[in-house]
Amino acid sequence: IELDPEVKCVVVGFDEHFSYMKMLKAASYLRNPDCVFIGTNEDPHLPIKDSPITVPGTGCLITSIAMAANREPIYMGKPHQPMFEILRQKYEMNPSRTCMVGDR
């Protein structure tokens, strides 16, 4: 496996084609303490109503990479603070006058 020395960040989101090789590559990049690790959300599974099937969510993918890399991600999706802080600063939003709405 060849690693690109220019990679400065690993972002993990939903990937229905997640593989061992993707996990290996992400964890390898994250050995560099200067490489930023971002996760989109901690969802354990996708919301599928009235089905015997469980579809693992993004949280499962992120957790596997976090374990392999021995690192914790910065979560950018709702309801985590980083995304809101960026939006608050950019658009001068007042938190007491703001409502975040999710999909669950």
Protein backbone atom coordinates (compact mmCIF):
# COMPACT_ATOMS: atom_id res chain seq x y z
CA ILE A 1 0.00 0.00 0.00
CA GLU A 2 1.27 3.45 -0.89
CA LEU A 3 0.37 6.47 1.27
CA ASP A 4 0.19 9.99 -0.12
CA PRO A 5 2.34 12.25 2.10
CA GLU A 6 0.08 15.21 1.22
CA VAL A 7 -2.95 13.77 3.06
CA LYS A 8 -3.68 15.93 6.11
CA CYS A 9 -7.16 14.76 7.07
CA VAL A 10 -9.28 11.60 7.16
CA VAL A 11 -13.06 12.15 6.94
CA VAL A 12 -15.31 9.16 7.55
CA GLY A 13 -18.93 9.23 6.45
CA PHE A 14 -21.46 6.66 5.32
CA ASP A 15 -19.94 4.23 2.83
CA GLU A 16 -21.88 1.19 1.68
CA HIS A 17 -18.66 -0.09 0.08
CA PHE A 18 -16.53 0.18 3.23
CA SER A 19 -13.67 -2.34 3.17
CA TYR A 20 -10.73 -3.60 5.17
CA MET A 21 -8.38 -1.81 2.75
CA LYS A 22 -10.15 1.51 3.33
CA MET A 23 -9.87 0.98 7.08
CA LEU A 24 -6.18 0.05 6.76
CA LYS A 25 -5.45 3.16 4.72
CA ALA A 26 -7.39 5.51 7.02
CA ALA A 27 -5.76 4.08 10.16
CA SER A 28 -2.33 4.34 8.53
CA TYR A 29 -2.81 8.02 7.70
CA LEU A 30 -4.00 8.60 11.26
CA ARG A 31 -0.71 7.33 12.67
CA ASN A 32 0.47 10.85 11.89
CA PRO A 33 -0.67 12.90 14.93
CA ASP A 34 -0.99 15.97 12.69
CA CYS A 35 -3.56 14.24 10.47
CA VAL A 36 -7.05 15.42 11.45
CA PHE A 37 -9.70 12.73 12.03
CA ILE A 38 -13.29 13.81 11.29
CA GLY A 39 -16.42 11.71 11.65
CA THR A 40 -19.77 12.78 10.25
CA ASN A 41 -22.02 11.13 12.86
CA GLU A 42 -22.24 8.38 15.47
CA ASP A 43 -25.34 6.66 14.10
CA PRO A 44 -25.17 2.97 15.11
CA HIS A 45 -27.62 1.93 12.37
CA LEU A 46 -29.82 3.38 9.67
CA PRO A 47 -33.48 3.97 10.53
CA ILE A 48 -35.42 1.21 8.78
CA LYS A 49 -38.93 0.85 10.10
CA ASP A 50 -40.61 -2.53 10.45
CA SER A 51 -37.75 -4.56 8.99
CA PRO A 52 -35.84 -7.55 10.35
CA ILE A 53 -32.72 -6.12 8.65
CA THR A 54 -30.23 -3.95 10.53
CA VAL A 55 -28.12 -1.70 8.35
CA PRO A 56 -24.97 -0.64 10.25
CA GLY A 57 -24.58 3.11 10.37
CA THR A 58 -21.63 5.44 10.01
CA GLY A 59 -20.81 5.15 13.71
CA CYS A 60 -19.81 1.51 13.12
CA LEU A 61 -17.36 2.52 10.39
CA ILE A 62 -15.88 5.36 12.42
CA THR A 63 -15.49 3.17 15.50
CA SER A 64 -13.56 0.53 13.56
CA ILE A 65 -11.11 3.14 12.26
CA ALA A 66 -10.84 4.80 15.67
CA MET A 67 -9.97 1.46 17.25
CA ALA A 68 -7.40 0.61 14.57
CA ALA A 69 -5.81 4.08 14.74
CA ASN A 70 -6.08 4.43 18.53
CA ARG A 71 -7.56 7.90 17.94
CA GLU A 72 -10.88 9.58 18.57
CA PRO A 73 -12.52 11.64 15.79
CA ILE A 74 -13.88 15.13 15.89
CA TYR A 75 -17.57 14.72 15.09
CA MET A 76 -18.89 17.42 12.79
CA GLY A 77 -22.50 16.35 12.35
CA LYS A 78 -25.44 17.17 14.53
CA PRO A 79 -25.77 17.29 17.47
CA HIS A 80 -22.05 17.88 18.06
CA GLN A 81 -20.70 21.36 18.75
CA PRO A 82 -18.00 21.85 16.06
CA MET A 83 -20.40 22.18 13.14
CA PHE A 84 -22.68 24.52 15.07
CA GLU A 85 -19.74 26.66 16.22
CA ILE A 86 -18.52 27.13 12.65
CA LEU A 87 -22.01 28.13 11.49
CA ARG A 88 -22.55 30.36 14.53
CA GLN A 89 -19.33 32.27 13.89
CA LYS A 90 -19.73 32.54 10.12
CA TYR A 91 -23.35 33.72 10.23
CA GLU A 92 -23.30 35.41 13.67
CA MET A 93 -26.11 33.15 14.86
CA ASN A 94 -27.55 33.56 18.34
CA PRO A 95 -27.71 30.09 19.98
CA SER A 96 -30.77 31.07 22.03
CA ARG A 97 -32.61 31.85 18.78
CA THR A 98 -31.50 28.74 16.88
CA CYS A 99 -33.10 25.32 16.44
CA MET A 100 -31.30 22.29 14.98
CA VAL A 101 -33.55 19.62 13.49
CA GLY A 102 -32.40 16.06 12.86
CA ASP A 103 -33.52 13.03 10.95
CA ARG A 104 -34.27 10.81 13.93
